C-alpha cells in the first residue's frame, strides 16, 4: 500500500536553514564541511586529539570523549575513581593527566590501564593512592605518582617498560619493604628516579643501571649497602641530603663506581668525616650541616676534579682544616666554610680558588700573607667575624688583584682597610663601627660600583674632603642608619641609587645633588624631615629620578620632581 500524498509531504525534508545547505546535504555542495567533533560539556577541545577538562570540580569521569583523543587532561578535579569502561574505550591515549584529584586505590581497578597500549605519559600526583597500580602500560615513558600515600609498588608497575625514562615517587610513604627487588626489571632506559620524601632506611638495591639522576633526600637512610650503587655507572646527580647517614653507613666503595658522578649532596646528615672513594668526575660536593670535625687530604685525593666544596655549619673549629688539607683539589673554584668556628683563614688553600665564603666564624686577625696563597680570588666573604682594624694588616688584601667582591660586614672595624684591590666592584662594610672616612683607602677604586656603609657611626664631619673623588663608577651608595645630619657633599657623578634612610637629616638644600645628575632612586625615610625641609628646586637637575622615599618622617614631605620624572608630588609620613 502506497502512502498517501499528505504523508509523503510530511516525510519530505524542508528547505535547509540559510548557510547550512552543504551541511545538511553535503552531496549537493562542491565541498563537504567537517562534522563538529564531540567534546564533553564544559571541557575544551583545542585540537582534534586534545580534551581539556581540568579545574572543573568534576566528580564523575566525563563521557562523550572522542575515541580519537590522544591527550586527556583531568587535573584539579574531584574524581574519586576511574571507570574501566570509559578508559578502555580511549585506546589511542598518549597522555593522561589526573593530577590533584581524590582517586584512591579502591577507585582504581587493577585493569584500569590495560587497554591504553599507546600511553606514554601518566600524571597521578596529588591523589589518594595507598598502593601503586599493579599494571601500567608497556609503552610508558613518564610516570608521576608523587604526593600520594603509596606504601607499595609491584613488579609490573614500572617493570618491563623499555621506553620508560622518568619515574616520580617522591612524597609518599614507601619503605624498603614496599619496593620489590625487581621493581625495574626490564626497564633499562630510566634516567630519572625520584624517591625523596619517603621512609626508606637504606639505598635500595637493584636500581636501574641507566640512571642519571637519583633523588633520595628526605628519607630515613642511614646506610648505603655495599654494591647498592655499583651498577649505576651513568649516574650524574645523587641527592642524599636530609637523611641519617653516619660514617659507618658509608664504606670506601659507596661512591667509587660512579665514574660519571658530577653532583653529590650529603648535607643535613650525621657525618663526622668527608667520605672516601669519591670519584674524579665529581664537580660539586655538598657536606653542609653535618658534624665534620676534620678534613683530611687523603680522603680528597680521588676527587681532584672538584670545583665546589660546601662545608658550612660543621664543627671544624681551630684545627679541623689543617694546612694543605685541600691542596689535592687543584681546580677548586668555590669553598663555603660558613659557621665552623674557624679562628683564622685556612692556610695553603688551592691556588686557583675563586670564591672563599667564611662568614659567621671567629676570625679575628688578617696577616700580611694570610691571603697570599689564593691570588686568583674574585669573591671573599668574611662577614660577621671578629675582625678589628688593629688586627687587619695594611697589606692583607694587596695580593688579591683579581678580587671583585669583598664582604666585611658585621665585624668590629673602626676604619676602612688599606690596600684594597683596584678592581673591586662591590664592597660591603655595613654593621661595623666606622667613625671616619678618608680618601686614601678608597683611592684607586675607580671600578667600584656598590659600596655599603650602612649601620655604622658616620657623621658628615667625619667624611674627609675628596673621599668620593676617585669612585668614578660608583652607582649604589648605602649610608643608611648612620648619624648624618645632612646629605654629604660632592657625591660621585655616576651615582644612581642613594640610601640615606635612618639618619638625622633635617634639611636638604638646593645644592645637595648637583654632583649626581644620574640619580634614579633616593631613600630618605625615617629621618627628621618636615613638610618644607626639601627646597623646591632640589631635584630639578635630576632628569632620571624615579623614586623618592620620604616615609616615616615627622611630617609628610613635599617633593617637587623634575618635569621629566613621573609625578609623585607627595610622600606621606606618619
Protein backbone atom coordinates (compact mmCIF):
# COMPACT_ATOMS: atom_id res chain seq x y z
CA UNK A 1 0.00 0.00 0.00
CA UNK A 2 1.40 3.33 -1.05
CA UNK A 3 1.49 6.17 1.50
CA UNK A 4 -0.95 8.96 0.99
CA UNK A 5 0.23 12.19 -0.69
CA UNK A 6 -0.22 14.04 2.62
CA UNK A 7 2.09 11.61 4.41
CA UNK A 8 4.70 11.93 1.66
CA UNK A 9 4.66 15.71 2.08
CA UNK A 10 5.21 15.37 5.83
CA UNK A 11 8.13 12.99 5.37
CA UNK A 12 9.97 15.14 2.87
CA UNK A 13 12.66 17.41 4.42
CA UNK A 14 12.03 21.12 4.40
CA UNK A 15 14.45 23.63 2.90
CA UNK A 16 17.76 23.89 4.83
CA UNK A 17 18.42 26.90 7.01
CA UNK A 18 20.43 29.71 5.42
CA UNK A 19 24.11 28.84 5.31
CA UNK A 20 23.50 25.19 6.16
CA UNK A 21 22.75 23.86 2.68
CA UNK A 22 26.01 21.95 2.32
CA UNK A 23 25.99 20.69 5.95
CA UNK A 24 22.52 19.25 5.63
CA UNK A 25 23.13 17.87 2.17
CA UNK A 26 26.86 17.51 1.66
CA UNK A 27 26.41 15.65 -1.62
CA UNK A 28 24.79 18.75 -3.12
CA UNK A 29 27.66 21.14 -2.46
CA UNK A 30 31.01 21.49 -4.16
CA UNK A 31 32.92 20.51 -0.94
CA UNK A 32 31.78 18.87 2.28
CA UNK A 33 32.25 20.60 5.70
CA UNK A 34 33.69 18.64 8.68
CA UNK A 35 31.16 17.37 11.17
CA UNK A 36 31.77 19.06 14.59
CA UNK A 37 33.56 16.61 16.87
CA UNK A 38 32.15 15.68 20.26
CA UNK A 39 33.52 17.45 23.30
CA UNK A 40 32.33 16.83 26.87
CA UNK A 41 30.21 19.59 28.41
CA UNK A 42 32.25 22.48 29.92
CA UNK A 43 35.50 20.98 28.61
CA UNK A 44 37.58 22.43 25.81
CA UNK A 45 38.97 20.62 22.80
CA UNK A 46 41.52 22.98 21.23
CA UNK A 47 42.85 20.28 18.90
CA UNK A 48 41.14 17.28 17.33
CA UNK A 49 43.17 14.94 19.55
CA UNK A 50 43.12 17.00 22.76
CA UNK A 51 40.49 17.15 25.52
CA UNK A 52 40.97 19.52 28.46
CA UNK A 53 38.59 19.08 31.41
CA UNK A 54 40.91 20.48 34.06
CA UNK A 55 39.75 22.59 37.00
CA UNK A 56 36.02 21.96 36.62
CA UNK A 57 35.37 20.32 40.02
CA UNK A 58 34.23 17.18 38.23
CA UNK A 59 33.18 14.32 40.48
CA UNK A 60 32.42 11.88 37.69
CA UNK A 61 34.61 10.86 34.77
CA UNK A 62 33.21 12.72 31.73
CA UNK A 63 31.52 10.83 28.96
CA UNK A 64 31.32 11.83 25.32
CA UNK A 65 35.13 11.90 24.98
CA UNK A 66 36.05 11.22 21.38
CA UNK A 67 37.67 7.85 20.94
CA UNK A 68 40.36 9.51 18.81
CA UNK A 69 41.58 11.57 21.77
CA UNK A 70 45.32 11.28 22.38
CA UNK A 71 45.76 13.83 25.18
CA UNK A 72 43.27 13.95 28.07
CA UNK A 73 43.64 16.40 30.94
CA UNK A 74 41.52 15.96 34.08
CA UNK A 75 43.75 17.65 36.65
CA UNK A 76 42.41 19.72 39.55
CA UNK A 77 39.05 17.99 39.85
CA UNK A 78 37.37 15.83 42.50
CA UNK A 79 37.39 12.46 40.80
CA UNK A 80 37.41 9.54 43.22
CA UNK A 81 37.51 6.67 40.77
CA UNK A 82 38.30 5.78 37.18
CA UNK A 83 35.66 3.71 35.32
CA UNK A 84 37.25 0.91 33.37
CA UNK A 85 34.62 1.03 30.60
CA UNK A 86 35.30 4.68 29.82
CA UNK A 87 39.09 4.37 29.92
CA UNK A 88 39.27 1.18 27.88
CA UNK A 89 37.42 2.87 25.04
CA UNK A 90 40.20 5.53 24.76
CA UNK A 91 42.81 3.14 23.44
CA UNK A 92 44.61 5.89 21.49
CA UNK A 93 45.57 7.95 24.55
CA UNK A 94 49.18 9.06 24.75
CA UNK A 95 48.90 11.50 27.69
CA UNK A 96 46.62 11.13 30.71
CA UNK A 97 46.75 13.89 33.32
CA UNK A 98 44.92 13.10 36.58
CA UNK A 99 46.98 15.42 38.80
CA UNK A 100 45.32 16.66 42.01
CA UNK A 101 42.15 14.60 42.32
CA UNK A 102 40.80 12.30 45.04
CA UNK A 103 41.45 8.98 43.34
CA UNK A 104 42.09 6.17 45.80
CA UNK A 105 43.48 2.70 45.14
CA UNK A 106 39.98 1.35 45.72
CA UNK A 107 38.72 3.58 42.93
CA UNK A 108 41.36 2.33 40.50
CA UNK A 109 40.60 -1.10 39.01
CA UNK A 110 43.58 -3.40 38.51
CA UNK A 111 42.85 -3.48 34.78
CA UNK A 112 42.23 0.28 34.53
CA UNK A 113 45.05 0.96 32.06
CA UNK A 114 45.45 -2.36 30.28
CA UNK A 115 43.76 -1.16 27.07
CA UNK A 116 45.87 2.01 26.83
CA UNK A 117 48.61 0.38 24.81
CA UNK A 118 49.88 3.67 23.37
CA UNK A 119 50.01 5.64 26.63
CA UNK A 120 53.34 7.46 27.09
CA UNK A 121 52.76 9.93 29.93
CA UNK A 122 50.62 9.45 33.03
CA UNK A 123 50.38 12.04 35.81
CA UNK A 124 48.64 10.97 39.02
CA UNK A 125 50.46 13.10 41.60
CA UNK A 126 48.45 14.54 44.50
CA UNK A 127 45.78 11.87 44.75
CA UNK A 128 44.89 9.34 47.49
CA UNK A 129 46.61 6.19 46.24
CA UNK A 130 47.76 3.84 49.01
CA UNK A 131 49.41 1.38 46.62
CA UNK A 132 50.71 1.89 43.12
CA UNK A 133 48.76 0.50 40.15
CA UNK A 134 49.64 -3.17 39.73
CA UNK A 135 49.88 -2.83 35.97
CA UNK A 136 50.89 0.12 33.82
CA UNK A 137 51.22 0.00 30.02
CA UNK A 138 54.48 -1.15 28.48
CA UNK A 139 54.55 1.96 26.25
CA UNK A 140 55.04 4.45 29.12
CA UNK A 141 57.87 6.99 29.14
CA UNK A 142 56.95 9.18 32.16
CA UNK A 143 55.08 8.15 35.32
CA UNK A 144 54.30 10.64 38.09
CA UNK A 145 52.79 9.18 41.28
CA UNK A 146 54.24 11.78 43.65
CA UNK A 147 52.44 13.13 46.72
CA UNK A 148 50.12 10.20 47.28
CA UNK A 149 50.15 7.74 50.19
CA UNK A 150 51.81 4.88 48.35
CA UNK A 151 53.30 2.20 50.58
CA UNK A 152 53.87 -0.48 47.94
CA UNK A 153 54.69 -0.85 44.29
CA UNK A 154 54.55 -4.04 42.20
CA UNK A 155 56.85 -5.71 39.66
CA UNK A 156 54.76 -4.58 36.68
CA UNK A 157 54.12 -1.08 37.96
CA UNK A 158 57.43 0.05 36.45
CA UNK A 159 58.97 -3.22 35.26
CA UNK A 160 59.09 -4.43 31.66
CA UNK A 161 58.85 -0.96 30.17
CA UNK A 162 61.69 -0.49 27.70
CA UNK A 163 60.75 3.12 26.88
CA UNK A 164 60.36 4.33 30.48
CA UNK A 165 62.57 7.38 31.15
CA UNK A 166 61.29 9.18 34.26
CA UNK A 167 59.61 7.95 37.46
CA UNK A 168 58.43 10.30 40.20
CA UNK A 169 57.51 8.72 43.54
CA UNK A 170 58.51 11.48 45.94
CA UNK A 171 56.43 12.41 48.98
CA UNK A 172 54.81 9.05 49.54
CA UNK A 173 55.12 6.51 52.37
CA UNK A 174 57.38 3.94 50.75
CA UNK A 175 59.64 1.83 52.92
CA UNK A 176 62.24 -0.60 51.60
CA UNK A 177 59.75 -3.41 52.14
CA UNK A 178 57.35 -1.78 49.68
CA UNK A 179 59.95 -1.63 46.91
CA UNK A 180 60.48 -5.10 45.39
CA UNK A 181 63.98 -6.04 44.17
CA UNK A 182 62.67 -6.49 40.62
CA UNK A 183 60.78 -3.20 40.57
CA UNK A 184 62.60 -2.01 37.45
CA UNK A 185 63.43 -5.30 35.78
CA UNK A 186 63.21 -4.90 32.03
CA UNK A 187 63.17 -1.09 32.24
CA UNK A 188 66.70 -0.29 31.16
CA UNK A 189 66.16 3.26 29.92
CA UNK A 190 65.16 5.03 33.18
CA UNK A 191 67.33 8.14 33.63
CA UNK A 192 65.42 9.99 36.40
CA UNK A 193 64.08 8.42 39.58
CA UNK A 194 62.69 10.46 42.47
CA UNK A 195 62.15 8.63 45.76
CA UNK A 196 62.61 11.63 48.06
CA UNK A 197 60.31 12.26 50.98
CA UNK A 198 59.59 8.61 51.76
CA UNK A 199 60.55 6.24 54.60
CA UNK A 200 63.49 4.37 53.11
CA UNK A 201 66.09 3.29 55.66
CA UNK A 202 68.82 2.34 53.16
CA UNK A 203 69.58 2.94 49.49
CA UNK A 204 67.53 0.36 47.58
CA UNK A 205 69.48 -2.27 45.63
CA UNK A 206 68.67 -3.19 42.04
CA UNK A 207 68.02 0.35 40.89
CA UNK A 208 68.10 0.85 37.11
CA UNK A 209 71.71 0.90 35.85
CA UNK A 210 70.75 3.56 33.31
CA UNK A 211 70.03 6.20 35.98
CA UNK A 212 71.49 9.68 35.55
CA UNK A 213 69.57 11.46 38.35
CA UNK A 214 68.61 9.82 41.64
CA UNK A 215 66.68 11.70 44.33
CA UNK A 216 66.75 10.07 47.77
CA UNK A 217 66.66 13.15 50.00
CA UNK A 218 64.32 13.48 52.98
CA UNK A 219 64.20 9.80 53.88
CA UNK A 220 65.46 7.85 56.91
CA UNK A 221 68.53 6.46 55.14
CA UNK A 222 71.34 5.50 57.49
CA UNK A 223 73.28 3.24 55.15
CA UNK A 224 74.41 2.76 51.57
CA UNK A 225 74.77 -1.04 51.37
CA UNK A 226 77.90 -2.35 49.70
CA UNK A 227 77.25 -2.62 45.97
CA UNK A 228 73.96 -0.72 46.08
CA UNK A 229 75.33 1.85 43.61
CA UNK A 230 77.89 -0.31 41.83
CA UNK A 231 75.90 -0.67 38.59
CA UNK A 232 74.81 2.96 38.22
CA UNK A 233 77.83 3.95 36.17
CA UNK A 234 75.84 6.58 34.25
CA UNK A 235 74.73 8.43 37.39
CA UNK A 236 75.50 12.16 37.24
CA UNK A 237 73.42 13.58 40.12
CA UNK A 238 72.83 11.95 43.52
CA UNK A 239 70.75 13.62 46.22
CA UNK A 240 71.05 12.15 49.74
CA UNK A 241 70.56 15.25 51.89
CA UNK A 242 68.28 15.27 54.94
CA UNK A 243 68.86 11.66 55.92
CA UNK A 244 70.55 9.89 58.85
CA UNK A 245 73.83 8.86 57.27
CA UNK A 246 76.80 8.30 59.55
CA UNK A 247 80.40 7.39 58.74
CA UNK A 248 79.69 3.73 59.46
CA UNK A 249 76.90 3.76 56.88
CA UNK A 250 79.30 4.66 54.07
CA UNK A 251 82.18 2.34 53.22
CA UNK A 252 85.03 3.19 50.89
CA UNK A 253 83.20 1.75 47.88
CA UNK A 254 79.88 3.55 48.36
CA UNK A 255 80.53 6.04 45.52
CA UNK A 256 83.67 4.62 43.92
CA UNK A 257 81.90 3.05 40.93
CA UNK A 258 80.05 6.21 39.94
CA UNK A 259 82.51 7.15 37.22
CA UNK A 260 80.31 9.91 35.79
CA UNK A 261 79.06 11.46 39.02
CA UNK A 262 79.19 15.26 38.96
CA UNK A 263 76.87 16.33 41.79
CA UNK A 264 76.64 14.75 45.27
CA UNK A 265 74.55 16.24 48.08
CA UNK A 266 75.16 14.76 51.54
CA UNK A 267 74.14 17.81 53.55
CA UNK A 268 71.97 17.56 56.66
CA UNK A 269 73.26 14.16 57.75
CA UNK A 270 75.41 13.00 60.69
CA UNK A 271 78.79 12.58 59.04
CA UNK A 272 81.91 13.28 61.11
CA UNK A 273 84.35 12.86 58.21
CA UNK A 274 84.49 13.52 54.49
CA UNK A 275 83.57 10.25 52.69
CA UNK A 276 86.31 8.31 50.97
CA UNK A 277 86.24 6.87 47.47
CA UNK A 278 84.84 9.99 45.82
CA UNK A 279 85.07 9.81 42.01
CA UNK A 280 87.39 12.00 39.97
CA UNK A 281 84.46 13.36 37.93
CA UNK A 282 82.75 14.93 40.96
CA UNK A 283 82.35 18.70 40.48
CA UNK A 284 80.01 19.72 43.33
CA UNK A 285 80.06 18.24 46.84
CA UNK A 286 77.57 19.39 49.49
CA UNK A 287 78.57 18.45 53.04
CA UNK A 288 76.92 21.29 54.92
CA UNK A 289 75.04 20.74 58.19
CA UNK A 290 76.89 17.61 59.23
CA UNK A 291 79.21 17.01 62.23
CA UNK A 292 82.51 17.11 60.38
CA UNK A 293 85.37 17.96 62.74
CA UNK A 294 88.33 17.42 60.46
CA UNK A 295 89.10 17.40 56.73
CA UNK A 296 91.97 15.15 55.66
CA UNK A 297 93.76 15.45 52.34
CA UNK A 298 93.88 11.66 51.91
CA UNK A 299 90.11 11.49 51.67
CA UNK A 300 90.02 14.02 48.84
CA UNK A 301 92.70 12.59 46.56
CA UNK A 302 90.15 10.80 44.38
CA UNK A 303 88.04 13.93 43.86
CA UNK A 304 90.67 16.02 42.12
CA UNK A 305 88.13 17.42 39.69
CA UNK A 306 86.07 19.03 42.48
CA UNK A 307 85.02 22.61 41.72
CA UNK A 308 82.59 23.46 44.53
CA UNK A 309 83.02 22.25 48.13
CA UNK A 310 80.37 23.26 50.66
CA UNK A 311 81.23 22.62 54.31
CA UNK A 312 79.05 25.22 56.02
CA UNK A 313 77.66 24.58 59.51
CA UNK A 314 80.06 21.86 60.59
CA UNK A 315 82.39 21.65 63.59
CA UNK A 316 85.85 22.27 62.13
CA UNK A 317 86.93 24.63 64.89
CA UNK A 318 90.51 25.82 65.09
CA UNK A 319 92.21 22.60 63.94
CA UNK A 320 89.71 20.93 61.63
CA UNK A 321 91.17 22.29 58.39
CA UNK A 322 94.94 21.87 58.66
CA UNK A 323 97.39 23.45 56.25
CA UNK A 324 97.28 21.80 52.85
CA UNK A 325 94.20 19.68 53.55
CA UNK A 326 92.55 20.95 50.38
CA UNK A 327 95.66 21.06 48.20
CA UNK A 328 94.63 17.90 46.24
CA UNK A 329 91.71 19.95 44.89
CA UNK A 330 93.80 21.95 42.45
CA UNK A 331 90.81 23.05 40.38
CA UNK A 332 88.63 24.10 43.32
CA UNK A 333 86.60 27.20 42.42
CA UNK A 334 84.39 27.83 45.47
CA UNK A 335 84.84 26.93 49.14
CA UNK A 336 82.00 27.51 51.63
CA UNK A 337 83.01 27.41 55.31
CA UNK A 338 80.14 29.40 56.82
CA UNK A 339 79.76 28.94 60.61
CA UNK A 340 82.51 26.50 61.54
CA UNK A 341 84.19 28.18 64.49
CA UNK A 342 87.33 28.97 62.46
CA UNK A 343 89.66 31.49 64.11
CA UNK A 344 91.75 32.23 61.00
CA UNK A 345 91.71 31.96 57.23
CA UNK A 346 92.75 28.36 56.46
CA UNK A 347 96.36 28.28 55.22
CA UNK A 348 97.59 26.75 51.97
CA UNK A 349 94.27 26.78 50.14
CA UNK A 350 94.19 25.75 46.46
CA UNK A 351 95.86 28.45 44.41
CA UNK A 352 93.12 28.64 41.77
CA UNK A 353 90.35 29.26 44.28
CA UNK A 354 87.96 31.95 43.05
CA UNK A 355 85.41 32.26 45.88
CA UNK A 356 86.09 31.89 49.61
CA UNK A 357 83.00 32.16 51.83
CA UNK A 358 83.83 32.41 55.56
CA UNK A 359 81.03 34.37 57.29
CA UNK A 360 79.93 33.73 60.86
CA UNK A 361 83.23 32.35 62.11
CA UNK A 362 85.67 33.62 64.76
CA UNK A 363 88.36 35.08 62.51
CA UNK A 364 89.94 37.95 64.45
CA UNK A 365 93.20 38.53 62.59
CA UNK A 366 94.31 39.01 58.98
CA UNK A 367 98.05 38.98 58.49
CA UNK A 368 100.00 40.30 55.55
CA UNK A 369 100.34 36.82 53.99
CA UNK A 370 97.15 35.08 55.10
CA UNK A 371 95.55 35.50 51.66
CA UNK A 372 98.71 35.28 49.57
CA UNK A 373 98.11 31.63 48.67
CA UNK A 374 94.96 32.50 46.68
CA UNK A 375 95.84 35.40 44.36
CA UNK A 376 93.01 34.49 41.97
CA UNK A 377 90.19 35.13 44.46
CA UNK A 378 87.32 37.06 42.89
CA UNK A 379 84.96 36.81 45.88
CA UNK A 380 85.91 36.95 49.56
CA UNK A 381 83.27 36.88 52.29
CA UNK A 382 84.47 37.48 55.85
CA UNK A 383 81.23 38.94 57.14
CA UNK A 384 80.26 38.56 60.78
CA UNK A 385 83.62 37.55 62.14
CA UNK A 386 85.65 39.32 64.84
CA UNK A 387 87.93 41.47 62.74
CA UNK A 388 89.11 44.70 64.35
CA UNK A 389 91.06 47.35 62.44
CA UNK A 390 94.10 46.95 64.67
CA UNK A 391 94.37 43.28 63.67
CA UNK A 392 93.93 43.67 59.92
CA UNK A 393 97.33 44.21 58.34
CA UNK A 394 97.59 47.15 55.97
CA UNK A 395 98.72 44.81 53.16
CA UNK A 396 96.28 41.96 53.92
CA UNK A 397 94.24 42.39 50.70
CA UNK A 398 97.09 43.52 48.46
CA UNK A 399 97.75 40.05 46.92
CA UNK A 400 94.15 39.76 45.72
CA UNK A 401 94.48 41.61 42.41
CA UNK A 402 91.56 39.72 40.85
CA UNK A 403 89.15 40.45 43.73
CA UNK A 404 85.77 41.83 42.63
CA UNK A 405 83.61 41.37 45.73
CA UNK A 406 84.70 41.88 49.36
CA UNK A 407 82.26 41.44 52.24
CA UNK A 408 83.46 42.62 55.66
CA UNK A 409 80.03 43.36 57.12
CA UNK A 410 79.30 42.70 60.77
CA UNK A 411 82.84 42.98 62.10
CA UNK A 412 84.44 45.46 64.51
CA UNK A 413 86.24 47.72 62.05
CA UNK A 414 86.65 51.36 63.05
CA UNK A 415 88.31 52.45 59.80
CA UNK A 416 88.48 51.31 56.21
CA UNK A 417 91.09 48.62 55.48
CA UNK A 418 94.08 49.68 53.41
CA UNK A 419 95.50 48.48 50.11
CA UNK A 420 92.15 47.40 48.69
CA UNK A 421 92.41 45.84 45.19
CA UNK A 422 91.75 48.36 42.44
CA UNK A 423 89.44 46.00 40.56
CA UNK A 424 86.79 45.80 43.30
CA UNK A 425 83.18 46.08 42.12
CA UNK A 426 81.39 45.54 45.45
CA UNK A 427 82.49 46.45 48.97
CA UNK A 428 80.28 45.60 51.95
CA UNK A 429 81.17 47.31 55.24
CA UNK A 430 77.78 47.61 56.90
CA UNK A 431 77.32 46.90 60.61
CA UNK A 432 80.83 47.77 61.72
CA UNK A 433 81.96 50.61 63.98
CA UNK A 434 83.23 53.02 61.35
CA UNK A 435 83.54 56.56 62.65
CA UNK A 436 85.52 58.20 59.84
CA UNK A 437 86.08 58.00 56.09
CA UNK A 438 89.29 59.22 54.49
CA UNK A 439 90.17 59.46 50.79
CA UNK A 440 93.30 57.29 50.97
CA UNK A 441 91.72 53.80 51.49
CA UNK A 442 89.31 54.45 48.60
CA UNK A 443 91.96 55.85 46.25
CA UNK A 444 92.25 53.90 43.01
CA UNK A 445 88.88 52.13 43.34
CA UNK A 446 87.72 53.51 40.01
CA UNK A 447 85.80 50.31 39.19
CA UNK A 448 83.79 50.17 42.43
CA UNK A 449 80.07 50.05 41.64
CA UNK A 450 78.47 49.31 45.01
CA UNK A 451 79.54 50.48 48.48
CA UNK A 452 77.61 49.72 51.65
CA UNK A 453 78.44 51.69 54.79
CA UNK A 454 75.07 51.21 56.50
CA UNK A 455 74.67 50.79 60.24
CA UNK A 456 77.89 52.49 61.28
CA UNK A 457 78.56 55.67 63.27
CA UNK A 458 79.40 58.09 60.49
CA UNK A 459 78.77 61.82 60.69
CA UNK A 460 79.16 64.25 57.82
CA UNK A 461 82.05 65.97 59.56
CA UNK A 462 83.88 62.63 59.75
CA UNK A 463 83.87 62.20 55.97
CA UNK A 464 87.09 63.75 54.71
CA UNK A 465 87.17 66.10 51.68
CA UNK A 466 87.71 64.19 48.43
CA UNK A 467 86.58 60.85 49.89
CA UNK A 468 84.34 60.12 46.88
CA UNK A 469 86.61 61.72 44.28
CA UNK A 470 88.05 58.56 42.71
CA UNK A 471 84.88 56.46 42.86
CA UNK A 472 84.05 57.30 39.26
CA UNK A 473 81.98 54.13 38.61
CA UNK A 474 80.03 54.05 41.89
CA UNK A 475 76.32 53.51 41.20
CA UNK A 476 74.95 52.37 44.58
CA UNK A 477 75.91 54.01 47.88
CA UNK A 478 74.32 52.93 51.15
CA UNK A 479 74.84 55.34 54.05
CA UNK A 480 71.64 54.38 55.86
CA UNK A 481 71.40 54.15 59.63
CA UNK A 482 74.34 56.37 60.45
CA UNK A 483 74.43 59.75 62.22
CA UNK A 484 74.31 62.07 59.20
CA UNK A 485 72.62 65.43 59.74
CA UNK A 486 72.64 66.43 56.05
CA UNK A 487 73.47 64.95 52.63
CA UNK A 488 77.23 64.50 52.25
CA UNK A 489 78.64 66.88 49.60
CA UNK A 490 80.46 66.03 46.36
CA UNK A 491 78.95 62.58 45.90
CA UNK A 492 80.12 60.55 42.83
CA UNK A 493 78.75 61.67 39.49
CA UNK A 494 77.82 58.13 38.36
CA UNK A 495 75.62 57.52 41.41
CA UNK A 496 72.17 56.12 40.58
CA UNK A 497 70.92 54.84 43.95
CA UNK A 498 71.48 56.58 47.28
CA UNK A 499 70.35 55.21 50.65
CA UNK A 500 70.15 57.79 53.42
CA UNK A 501 67.28 56.36 55.46
CA UNK A 502 67.55 56.13 59.23
CA UNK A 503 69.80 59.15 59.72
CA UNK A 504 69.24 62.53 61.39
CA UNK A 505 68.74 64.66 58.29
CA UNK A 506 66.64 67.77 58.96
CA UNK A 507 67.19 69.89 55.86
CA UNK A 508 68.08 69.27 52.20
CA UNK A 509 69.23 72.33 50.28
CA UNK A 510 69.08 73.03 46.52
CA UNK A 511 72.77 72.15 46.07
CA UNK A 512 72.57 68.71 47.68
CA UNK A 513 72.51 66.69 44.44
CA UNK A 514 74.28 68.95 41.96
CA UNK A 515 77.10 66.41 41.66
CA UNK A 516 74.78 63.41 40.95
CA UNK A 517 72.85 64.11 37.72
CA UNK A 518 72.22 60.38 37.07
CA UNK A 519 70.41 59.70 40.34
CA UNK A 520 67.39 57.42 39.88
CA UNK A 521 66.41 56.39 43.42
CA UNK A 522 66.72 58.29 46.70
CA UNK A 523 65.76 56.85 50.09
CA UNK A 524 65.16 59.37 52.85
CA UNK A 525 62.68 57.59 55.11
CA UNK A 526 62.97 57.67 58.90
CA UNK A 527 64.91 60.91 59.14
CA UNK A 528 63.81 64.19 60.76
CA UNK A 529 62.31 65.86 57.72
CA UNK A 530 59.30 68.18 57.85
CA UNK A 531 56.95 69.49 55.19
CA UNK A 532 59.29 72.20 53.96
CA UNK A 533 62.62 70.51 54.69
CA UNK A 534 63.38 69.92 51.00
CA UNK A 535 63.91 73.00 48.84
CA UNK A 536 61.53 73.13 45.83
CA UNK A 537 64.39 73.19 43.29
CA UNK A 538 66.39 70.39 44.93
CA UNK A 539 65.54 67.73 42.31
CA UNK A 540 65.26 69.91 39.20
CA UNK A 541 68.66 68.83 37.90
CA UNK A 542 67.86 65.11 38.20
CA UNK A 543 66.07 64.12 34.98
CA UNK A 544 66.38 60.36 35.70
CA UNK A 545 64.96 60.46 39.21
CA UNK A 546 62.10 57.97 39.59
CA UNK A 547 61.90 57.10 43.29
CA UNK A 548 61.98 59.40 46.31
CA UNK A 549 61.09 57.63 49.54
CA UNK A 550 60.32 60.01 52.42
CA UNK A 551 58.05 57.78 54.51
CA UNK A 552 58.26 57.63 58.30
CA UNK A 553 59.37 61.21 58.81
CA UNK A 554 57.73 63.51 61.40
CA UNK A 555 55.58 65.14 58.70
CA UNK A 556 54.67 64.41 55.14
CA UNK A 557 57.26 65.90 52.86
CA UNK A 558 56.58 67.92 49.73
CA UNK A 559 58.70 66.56 46.88
CA UNK A 560 58.99 68.54 43.65
CA UNK A 561 60.13 66.06 41.00
CA UNK A 562 61.82 67.23 37.78
CA UNK A 563 59.50 67.74 34.78
CA UNK A 564 60.70 64.57 33.01
CA UNK A 565 60.11 62.32 36.02
CA UNK A 566 56.76 60.63 36.89
CA UNK A 567 54.65 62.92 39.05
CA UNK A 568 54.53 61.81 42.67
CA UNK A 569 54.35 65.13 44.49
CA UNK A 570 53.60 63.78 47.97
CA UNK A 571 55.35 61.12 50.02
CA UNK A 572 53.47 60.77 53.27
CA UNK A 573 54.96 60.48 56.72
CA UNK A 574 53.09 59.34 59.80
